[in-house]
Amino acid sequence: MRLAVAQSAVPENPTDPGALRASGAEMRGLMREASAAGARLVQFPEGALTYPSKHVMCSGPSGTLSAADWSRVRWDVLHEEAESIADLAGRLGLWVAFGSIHPLTPPSRPHNSLYVVSDQGRLVTRYDKRFLSNTEVSFLYAPGSSPVVFEIDGIRFGCALCIEAEFPEVFAEYERLDVDCVLLSVMVDDAARAVVAQAYGRLYGYWLGYSVPAQFSATVPSGIVAPGGRRLACCPADGRPALAVADLDLEATDADIDVSVRLARPWRRLARAGLYDDHLVPGDPRSETRTTF
């Protein structure tokens, strides 16, 4: 199947209806481009509809931070834009994964989420960010609790958001859940995080979609990593909205993908399952210690 990974301009003020509508319109334009390119799924950044800035939502006296006042958010506009995205997904026959805030019943804080909409235009699942930054957990969001896996055309996808790249257990868990690709959507201007994300393609033998806001693309643009760690496709690093497109093929004959998917990944599973136990030296291993050659 063909994956498109977008870099779109992410607004940081959820109280501004004009910015929210502009974001939704830009996303729908990229959805049309992805469909024209033959994509089955298009991935957008964390907070693609809006990623609330702590300076907008949490500003207290003298520059301090305080709990966000979520009543200020234009939830009506966010709902309308999400519905418009889902409607277009159904008309295009295109799956869409996009970030936004997800409201919970007050006084509970919202989740920072990644929505997954099917090619029928239905919201089929939602990933809620589980590992939050100190600011997020202190002033902004409620954490999620579970991984999310969904399937398109026999390809299994997992979801992760931004700072979760710093938690290898998230990506190891998706390997155990037998995913073929992890969608990592971020809202960060950080070259190192992209390197870490690329390493997971090498370590766990799956594809990885890395979606970053257009305004940060000059540092590292959005792109797609192959099993084995090679970058298959990248958006331009020019600060403008764009798509990176690549095919995810479980039967790929590229040497690096073939080795990673059919040899390295199964071998690492065997090793973790106790492959070496029968080869350990019996008895007290300290008895074999030598202080000379």
Protein backbone atom coordinates (compact mmCIF):
# COMPACT_ATOMS: atom_id res chain seq x y z
CA MET A 1 0.00 0.00 0.00
CA ARG A 2 1.07 3.58 -0.57
CA LEU A 3 1.67 5.88 2.41
CA ALA A 4 1.78 9.67 2.21
CA VAL A 5 3.31 11.62 5.09
CA ALA A 6 2.43 15.29 5.25
CA GLN A 7 4.05 18.38 6.63
CA SER A 8 1.37 21.00 7.18
CA ALA A 9 1.41 24.32 8.99
CA VAL A 10 0.26 23.68 12.57
CA PRO A 11 -1.54 26.55 14.36
CA GLU A 12 -0.85 27.04 18.08
CA ASN A 13 -3.85 29.14 19.11
CA PRO A 14 -7.01 27.04 19.50
CA THR A 15 -9.02 30.15 20.38
CA ASP A 16 -8.58 31.57 16.86
CA PRO A 17 -11.31 30.20 14.55
CA GLY A 18 -9.68 31.64 11.42
CA ALA A 19 -6.43 29.78 12.09
CA LEU A 20 -8.31 26.54 12.75
CA ARG A 21 -10.26 26.81 9.51
CA ALA A 22 -7.12 27.62 7.53
CA SER A 23 -5.44 24.56 9.00
CA GLY A 24 -8.34 22.33 8.05
CA ALA A 25 -8.43 23.74 4.52
CA GLU A 26 -4.71 23.14 4.05
CA MET A 27 -5.04 19.58 5.32
CA ARG A 28 -7.88 18.87 2.89
CA GLY A 29 -5.76 20.21 0.04
CA LEU A 30 -2.97 17.81 0.97
CA MET A 31 -5.49 14.98 1.25
CA ARG A 32 -6.51 15.62 -2.36
CA GLU A 33 -2.84 15.58 -3.41
CA ALA A 34 -2.28 12.31 -1.53
CA SER A 35 -5.29 10.73 -3.21
CA ALA A 36 -4.09 11.87 -6.63
CA ALA A 37 -0.71 10.27 -5.86
CA GLY A 38 -2.42 6.93 -5.20
CA ALA A 39 -1.97 6.94 -1.42
CA ARG A 40 -4.22 4.77 0.75
CA LEU A 41 -3.27 6.60 3.95
CA VAL A 42 -2.06 10.12 4.67
CA GLN A 43 -0.45 10.98 8.01
CA PHE A 44 -0.40 14.50 9.48
CA PRO A 45 1.64 16.02 12.34
CA GLU A 46 0.83 16.06 16.04
CA GLY A 47 -1.80 18.71 16.64
CA ALA A 48 -2.34 19.16 12.91
CA LEU A 49 -5.65 20.93 13.48
CA THR A 50 -4.18 22.73 16.48
CA TYR A 51 -1.35 22.23 18.94
CA PRO A 52 -2.12 24.64 21.79
CA SER A 53 0.89 26.70 22.82
CA LYS A 54 1.54 26.76 26.55
CA HIS A 55 2.03 30.52 26.20
CA VAL A 56 -1.51 30.85 24.82
CA MET A 57 -3.26 28.43 27.16
CA CYS A 58 -1.24 28.48 30.39
CA SER A 59 0.13 31.99 30.88
CA GLY A 60 -0.08 33.13 34.49
CA PRO A 61 1.14 36.23 36.34
CA SER A 62 4.71 37.39 35.66
CA GLY A 63 5.30 34.73 33.03
CA THR A 64 4.42 31.78 35.27
CA LEU A 65 2.40 28.83 34.04
CA SER A 66 -1.00 27.79 35.34
CA ALA A 67 -3.59 25.17 34.43
CA ALA A 68 -5.02 25.70 30.95
CA ASP A 69 -8.49 27.19 30.64
CA TRP A 70 -9.94 24.85 28.03
CA SER A 71 -13.25 26.71 27.90
CA ARG A 72 -11.50 29.26 25.68
CA VAL A 73 -10.99 26.73 22.87
CA ARG A 74 -13.24 26.99 19.81
CA TRP A 75 -14.39 23.40 20.14
CA ASP A 76 -17.24 24.05 17.71
CA VAL A 77 -14.82 24.98 14.93
CA LEU A 78 -12.51 22.05 15.71
CA HIS A 79 -15.47 19.67 15.50
CA GLU A 80 -16.60 21.13 12.18
CA GLU A 81 -13.10 20.88 10.69
CA ALA A 82 -12.66 17.29 11.88
CA GLU A 83 -16.03 16.38 10.38
CA SER A 84 -15.05 18.02 7.08
CA ILE A 85 -11.81 16.03 7.02
CA ALA A 86 -13.71 12.80 7.66
CA ASP A 87 -16.27 13.63 4.98
CA LEU A 88 -13.55 14.25 2.40
CA ALA A 89 -11.76 11.04 3.42
CA GLY A 90 -14.92 9.11 2.59
CA ARG A 91 -15.36 10.86 -0.75
CA LEU A 92 -11.70 10.25 -1.69
CA GLY A 93 -11.57 6.68 -0.36
CA LEU A 94 -8.54 7.72 1.70
CA TRP A 95 -7.48 6.82 5.24
CA VAL A 96 -6.32 9.82 7.32
CA ALA A 97 -4.38 10.03 10.59
CA PHE A 98 -4.22 13.53 12.05
CA GLY A 99 -3.45 15.12 15.38
CA SER A 100 -5.74 17.31 17.45
CA ILE A 101 -6.89 17.84 21.03
CA HIS A 102 -9.75 15.59 22.13
CA PRO A 103 -12.19 16.95 24.74
CA LEU A 104 -13.23 14.98 27.81
CA THR A 105 -16.04 15.80 30.21
CA PRO A 106 -14.97 18.73 32.44
CA PRO A 107 -13.21 19.01 34.81
CA SER A 108 -11.09 16.35 33.10
CA ARG A 109 -8.39 17.74 30.85
CA PRO A 110 -8.43 16.82 27.13
CA HIS A 111 -6.21 14.24 25.52
CA ASN A 112 -3.52 15.07 22.97
CA SER A 113 -4.64 12.63 20.30
CA LEU A 114 -4.14 11.19 16.86
CA TYR A 115 -7.43 10.49 15.09
CA VAL A 116 -7.63 7.68 12.53
CA VAL A 117 -10.39 8.06 9.91
CA SER A 118 -11.16 5.23 7.47
CA ASP A 119 -11.64 5.42 3.72
CA GLN A 120 -15.38 5.27 4.48
CA GLY A 121 -15.15 8.57 6.33
CA ARG A 122 -15.61 7.07 9.79
CA LEU A 123 -13.50 7.67 12.90
CA VAL A 124 -12.30 4.13 13.59
CA THR A 125 -9.85 4.69 16.44
CA ARG A 126 -8.04 7.36 18.44
CA TYR A 127 -4.58 7.26 19.94
CA ASP A 128 -4.15 9.29 23.12
CA LYS A 129 -0.58 10.35 23.91
CA ARG A 130 0.62 8.30 26.89
CA PHE A 131 3.98 9.89 27.71
CA LEU A 132 3.64 13.63 28.20
CA SER A 133 6.17 16.37 28.76
CA ASN A 134 6.38 17.96 32.21
CA THR A 135 4.42 21.01 30.98
CA GLU A 136 1.79 18.85 29.28
CA VAL A 137 1.06 16.68 32.31
CA SER A 138 1.30 19.60 34.76
CA PHE A 139 -0.90 22.13 32.97
CA LEU A 140 -2.49 20.79 29.79
CA TYR A 141 -3.49 17.18 29.16
CA ALA A 142 -4.66 13.92 30.61
CA PRO A 143 -2.44 11.02 29.47
CA GLY A 144 -3.72 8.08 27.49
CA SER A 145 -3.23 4.51 28.63
CA SER A 146 -3.09 2.10 25.68
CA PRO A 147 -1.30 1.47 22.38
CA VAL A 148 -3.39 1.60 19.22
CA VAL A 149 -3.05 -0.74 16.25
CA PHE A 150 -5.14 -0.62 13.09
CA GLU A 151 -4.90 -2.38 9.72
CA ILE A 152 -5.18 -1.27 6.10
CA ASP A 153 -4.86 -3.75 3.23
CA GLY A 154 -3.05 -6.27 5.42
CA ILE A 155 -0.54 -3.70 6.77
CA ARG A 156 -0.62 -3.18 10.55
CA PHE A 157 0.00 0.32 11.91
CA GLY A 158 0.86 1.62 15.36
CA CYS A 159 0.68 5.22 16.59
CA ALA A 160 2.99 7.43 18.66
CA LEU A 161 3.28 11.15 19.34
CA CYS A 162 6.30 13.44 19.65
CA ILE A 163 8.12 13.04 22.99
CA GLU A 164 7.23 9.35 22.96
CA ALA A 165 10.19 8.95 20.60
CA GLU A 166 12.28 9.33 23.77
CA PHE A 167 10.66 6.21 25.26
CA PRO A 168 11.99 3.09 23.47
CA GLU A 169 9.50 0.90 25.29
CA VAL A 170 6.70 2.41 23.20
CA PHE A 171 8.37 1.24 19.99
CA ALA A 172 9.43 -2.13 21.41
CA GLU A 173 5.80 -2.69 22.40
CA TYR A 174 4.66 -2.08 18.83
CA GLU A 175 7.22 -4.62 17.60
CA ARG A 176 5.71 -7.17 20.00
CA LEU A 177 2.27 -6.23 18.67
CA ASP A 178 3.55 -7.20 15.20
CA VAL A 179 3.03 -3.87 13.47
CA ASP A 180 4.50 -3.25 10.04
CA CYS A 181 4.68 0.53 10.36
CA VAL A 182 4.60 3.08 13.19
CA LEU A 183 3.14 6.53 12.54
CA LEU A 184 5.12 9.00 14.64
CA SER A 185 3.63 12.50 14.43
CA VAL A 186 5.51 15.32 16.15
CA MET A 187 5.32 19.00 16.98
CA VAL A 188 8.96 19.75 17.58
CA ASP A 189 11.90 21.46 15.88
CA ASP A 190 14.50 18.85 16.78
CA ALA A 191 16.93 17.11 14.44
CA ALA A 192 17.97 14.60 17.11
CA ARG A 193 14.43 13.30 17.54
CA ALA A 194 14.26 12.47 13.85
CA VAL A 195 17.52 10.50 14.16
CA VAL A 196 16.09 8.54 17.09
CA ALA A 197 12.94 7.85 15.11
CA GLN A 198 14.96 6.63 12.14
CA ALA A 199 16.85 4.26 14.44
CA TYR A 200 13.62 2.47 15.35
CA GLY A 201 13.26 1.38 11.72
CA ARG A 202 16.65 -0.23 12.09
CA LEU A 203 16.13 -1.71 15.55
CA TYR A 204 12.64 -3.11 15.10
CA GLY A 205 12.41 -3.85 11.38
CA TYR A 206 9.32 -1.84 10.50
CA TRP A 207 8.48 1.19 8.40
CA LEU A 208 8.10 4.51 10.17
CA GLY A 209 6.19 7.61 9.08
CA TYR A 210 7.65 10.79 10.59
CA SER A 211 5.33 13.78 10.24
CA VAL A 212 6.51 17.23 11.32
CA PRO A 213 4.92 20.70 10.96
CA ALA A 214 5.85 22.61 7.83
CA GLN A 215 7.25 25.46 9.94
CA PHE A 216 9.94 23.12 11.33
CA SER A 217 10.81 21.31 8.10
CA ALA A 218 13.98 23.32 7.46
CA THR A 219 15.57 21.40 10.36
CA VAL A 220 14.17 17.96 9.44
CA PRO A 221 11.30 17.52 6.96
CA SER A 222 8.59 14.89 7.09
CA GLY A 223 9.54 11.53 5.63
CA ILE A 224 9.26 7.76 5.56
CA VAL A 225 11.85 5.33 6.96
CA ALA A 226 12.18 1.76 5.69
CA PRO A 227 12.83 -1.35 7.77
CA GLY A 228 16.58 -1.29 8.20
CA GLY A 229 16.68 2.49 8.72
CA ARG A 230 16.95 3.94 5.20
CA ARG A 231 14.93 7.08 4.48
CA LEU A 232 12.69 6.22 1.53
CA ALA A 233 11.15 9.62 0.92
CA CYS A 234 11.37 13.15 2.30
CA CYS A 235 9.43 16.38 1.88
CA PRO A 236 11.33 19.51 0.85
CA ALA A 237 13.06 21.28 3.74
CA ASP A 238 11.64 24.66 2.78
CA GLY A 239 8.98 25.45 5.38
CA ARG A 240 6.13 24.79 2.96
CA PRO A 241 3.30 22.21 3.05
CA ALA A 242 4.19 19.03 1.16
CA LEU A 243 3.91 15.24 1.00
CA ALA A 244 6.43 12.40 1.09
CA VAL A 245 5.11 9.25 -0.61
CA ALA A 246 6.39 5.67 -0.58
CA ASP A 247 5.04 2.13 -0.99
CA LEU A 248 4.96 -0.24 1.98
CA ASP A 249 5.44 -3.72 0.51
CA LEU A 250 5.78 -6.74 2.79
CA GLU A 251 7.22 -8.64 -0.19
CA ALA A 252 9.76 -5.95 -1.11
CA THR A 253 12.95 -7.28 -2.69
CA ASP A 254 15.17 -4.31 -1.77
CA ALA A 255 18.14 -5.93 -0.06
CA ASP A 256 18.01 -3.83 3.12
CA ILE A 257 14.24 -4.23 3.58
CA ASP A 258 14.38 -7.95 2.79
CA VAL A 259 17.14 -8.57 5.35
CA SER A 260 15.45 -6.45 8.00
CA VAL A 261 11.93 -7.88 7.63
CA ARG A 262 12.63 -11.53 6.88
CA LEU A 263 15.94 -12.15 8.65
CA ALA A 264 16.92 -9.58 11.28
CA ARG A 265 13.52 -9.03 12.89
CA PRO A 266 12.72 -12.75 13.32
CA TRP A 267 16.25 -13.40 14.59
CA ARG A 268 15.98 -10.71 17.25
CA ARG A 269 12.68 -12.22 18.37
CA LEU A 270 14.34 -15.60 18.79
CA ALA A 271 17.21 -14.02 20.70
CA ARG A 272 14.85 -12.23 23.08
CA ALA A 273 12.85 -15.41 23.61
CA GLY A 274 15.83 -17.26 25.13
CA LEU A 275 17.69 -18.58 22.10
CA TYR A 276 21.01 -18.46 23.97
CA ASP A 277 19.90 -20.12 27.20
CA ASP A 278 21.05 -23.61 26.15
CA HIS A 279 24.48 -22.22 25.22
CA LEU A 280 25.33 -20.70 28.58
CA VAL A 281 28.30 -22.13 30.49
CA PRO A 282 26.92 -24.38 33.27
CA GLY A 283 27.64 -23.72 36.91
CA ASP A 284 29.04 -20.54 38.38
CA PRO A 285 30.26 -18.37 35.48
CA ARG A 286 32.70 -16.66 37.86
CA SER A 287 34.72 -19.88 37.93
CA GLU A 288 35.69 -19.19 34.32
CA THR A 289 36.98 -15.71 35.01
CA ARG A 290 40.64 -15.19 34.03
CA THR A 291 42.90 -12.32 34.91
CA THR A 292 45.42 -13.30 32.21
CA PHE A 293 45.16 -14.37 28.57
